Amino acid sequence: MSERATPFYCPYCADEDLRPHVDDATGSHAAWLCTGCRRVFRVKMLGLNFADTREVVRS
């Protein structure tokens, strides 16, 4: 599994031409540049949801 999540389109304009972006101040490689709208954004996983979705069966 890769360390970087790869988005398929920009969440702002839906353009598909995305390029990795390096933050000059921090040197972080965890951002993406959309060449369509020029926005820079990150993809971050918040966690997994294992909520109990089974129906309660009463007899």
C-alpha atoms as a PDB file:
ATOM      1  CA  MET A   1       0.000   0.000   0.000  1.00  0.00           C
ATOM      2  CA  SER A   2       1.262   3.430  -0.894  1.00  0.00           C
ATOM      3  CA  GLU A   3       1.851   6.090   1.742  1.00  0.00           C
ATOM      4  CA  ARG A   4       0.022   8.672  -0.375  1.00  0.00           C
ATOM      5  CA  ALA A   5      -3.652   8.505  -1.276  1.00  0.00           C
ATOM      6  CA  THR A   6      -4.068   9.370  -4.933  1.00  0.00           C
ATOM      7  CA  PRO A   7      -7.144  11.422  -5.788  1.00  0.00           C
ATOM      8  CA  PHE A   8      -8.684  10.938  -9.233  1.00  0.00           C
ATOM      9  CA  TYR A   9     -10.185  14.427  -9.515  1.00  0.00           C
ATOM     10  CA  CYS A  10     -10.137  17.821  -7.801  1.00  0.00           C
ATOM     11  CA  PRO A  11     -12.781  18.101  -5.046  1.00  0.00           C
ATOM     12  CA  TYR A  12     -13.368  21.758  -6.006  1.00  0.00           C
ATOM     13  CA  CYS A  13     -13.634  21.815  -9.808  1.00  0.00           C
ATOM     14  CA  ALA A  14     -13.569  18.082 -10.754  1.00  0.00           C
ATOM     15  CA  ASP A  15     -10.588  18.541 -13.089  1.00  0.00           C
ATOM     16  CA  GLU A  16      -8.481  15.396 -13.470  1.00  0.00           C
ATOM     17  CA  ASP A  17      -5.084  17.036 -14.065  1.00  0.00           C
ATOM     18  CA  LEU A  18      -3.568  16.778 -10.566  1.00  0.00           C
ATOM     19  CA  ARG A  19       0.101  16.936  -9.649  1.00  0.00           C
ATOM     20  CA  PRO A  20       1.961  16.293  -6.392  1.00  0.00           C
ATOM     21  CA  HIS A  21       2.732  19.549  -4.570  1.00  0.00           C
ATOM     22  CA  VAL A  22       5.621  20.155  -2.175  1.00  0.00           C
ATOM     23  CA  ASP A  23       5.101  22.767   0.537  1.00  0.00           C
ATOM     24  CA  ASP A  24       8.236  24.934   0.439  1.00  0.00           C
ATOM     25  CA  ALA A  25       7.906  26.010   4.085  1.00  0.00           C
ATOM     26  CA  THR A  26       7.651  22.526   5.604  1.00  0.00           C
ATOM     27  CA  GLY A  27       8.946  20.290   2.823  1.00  0.00           C
ATOM     28  CA  SER A  28       5.796  18.179   3.095  1.00  0.00           C
ATOM     29  CA  HIS A  29       4.857  16.069   0.057  1.00  0.00           C
ATOM     30  CA  ALA A  30       1.288  15.342   1.205  1.00  0.00           C
ATOM     31  CA  ALA A  31      -0.542  17.811  -1.029  1.00  0.00           C
ATOM     32  CA  TRP A  32      -1.946  17.941  -4.562  1.00  0.00           C
ATOM     33  CA  LEU A  33      -2.078  20.831  -7.038  1.00  0.00           C
ATOM     34  CA  CYS A  34      -5.035  21.080  -9.411  1.00  0.00           C
ATOM     35  CA  THR A  35      -3.876  22.638 -12.674  1.00  0.00           C
ATOM     36  CA  GLY A  36      -7.467  23.605 -13.547  1.00  0.00           C
ATOM     37  CA  CYS A  37      -8.343  25.836 -10.590  1.00  0.00           C
ATOM     38  CA  ARG A  38      -4.796  26.154  -9.104  1.00  0.00           C
ATOM     39  CA  ARG A  39      -5.989  25.018  -5.660  1.00  0.00           C
ATOM     40  CA  VAL A  40      -3.712  22.954  -3.437  1.00  0.00           C
ATOM     41  CA  PHE A  41      -5.390  20.371  -1.209  1.00  0.00           C
ATOM     42  CA  ARG A  42      -4.654  17.305   0.908  1.00  0.00           C
ATOM     43  CA  VAL A  43      -6.315  13.913   1.198  1.00  0.00           C
ATOM     44  CA  LYS A  44      -6.489  12.697   4.788  1.00  0.00           C
ATOM     45  CA  MET A  45      -7.926   9.478   6.142  1.00  0.00           C
ATOM     46  CA  LEU A  46      -9.862  10.046   9.348  1.00  0.00           C
ATOM     47  CA  GLY A  47     -10.400   6.403  10.295  1.00  0.00           C
ATOM     48  CA  LEU A  48     -12.694   3.442   9.818  1.00  0.00           C
ATOM     49  CA  ASN A  49     -16.334   3.235  10.840  1.00  0.00           C
ATOM     50  CA  PHE A  50     -17.331  -0.138  12.269  1.00  0.00           C
ATOM     51  CA  ALA A  51     -20.770   0.900  13.478  1.00  0.00           C
ATOM     52  CA  ASP A  52     -23.117  -1.998  14.180  1.00  0.00           C
ATOM     53  CA  THR A  53     -25.533  -1.862  11.249  1.00  0.00           C
ATOM     54  CA  ARG A  54     -27.263  -5.191  11.887  1.00  0.00           C
ATOM     55  CA  GLU A  55     -30.981  -5.044  12.583  1.00  0.00           C
ATOM     56  CA  VAL A  56     -32.160  -6.084  16.004  1.00  0.00           C
ATOM     57  CA  VAL A  57     -34.315  -9.205  15.662  1.00  0.00           C
ATOM     58  CA  ARG A  58     -36.947  -9.556  18.356  1.00  0.00           C
ATOM     59  CA  SER A  59     -38.987 -12.696  18.859  1.00  0.00           C
END
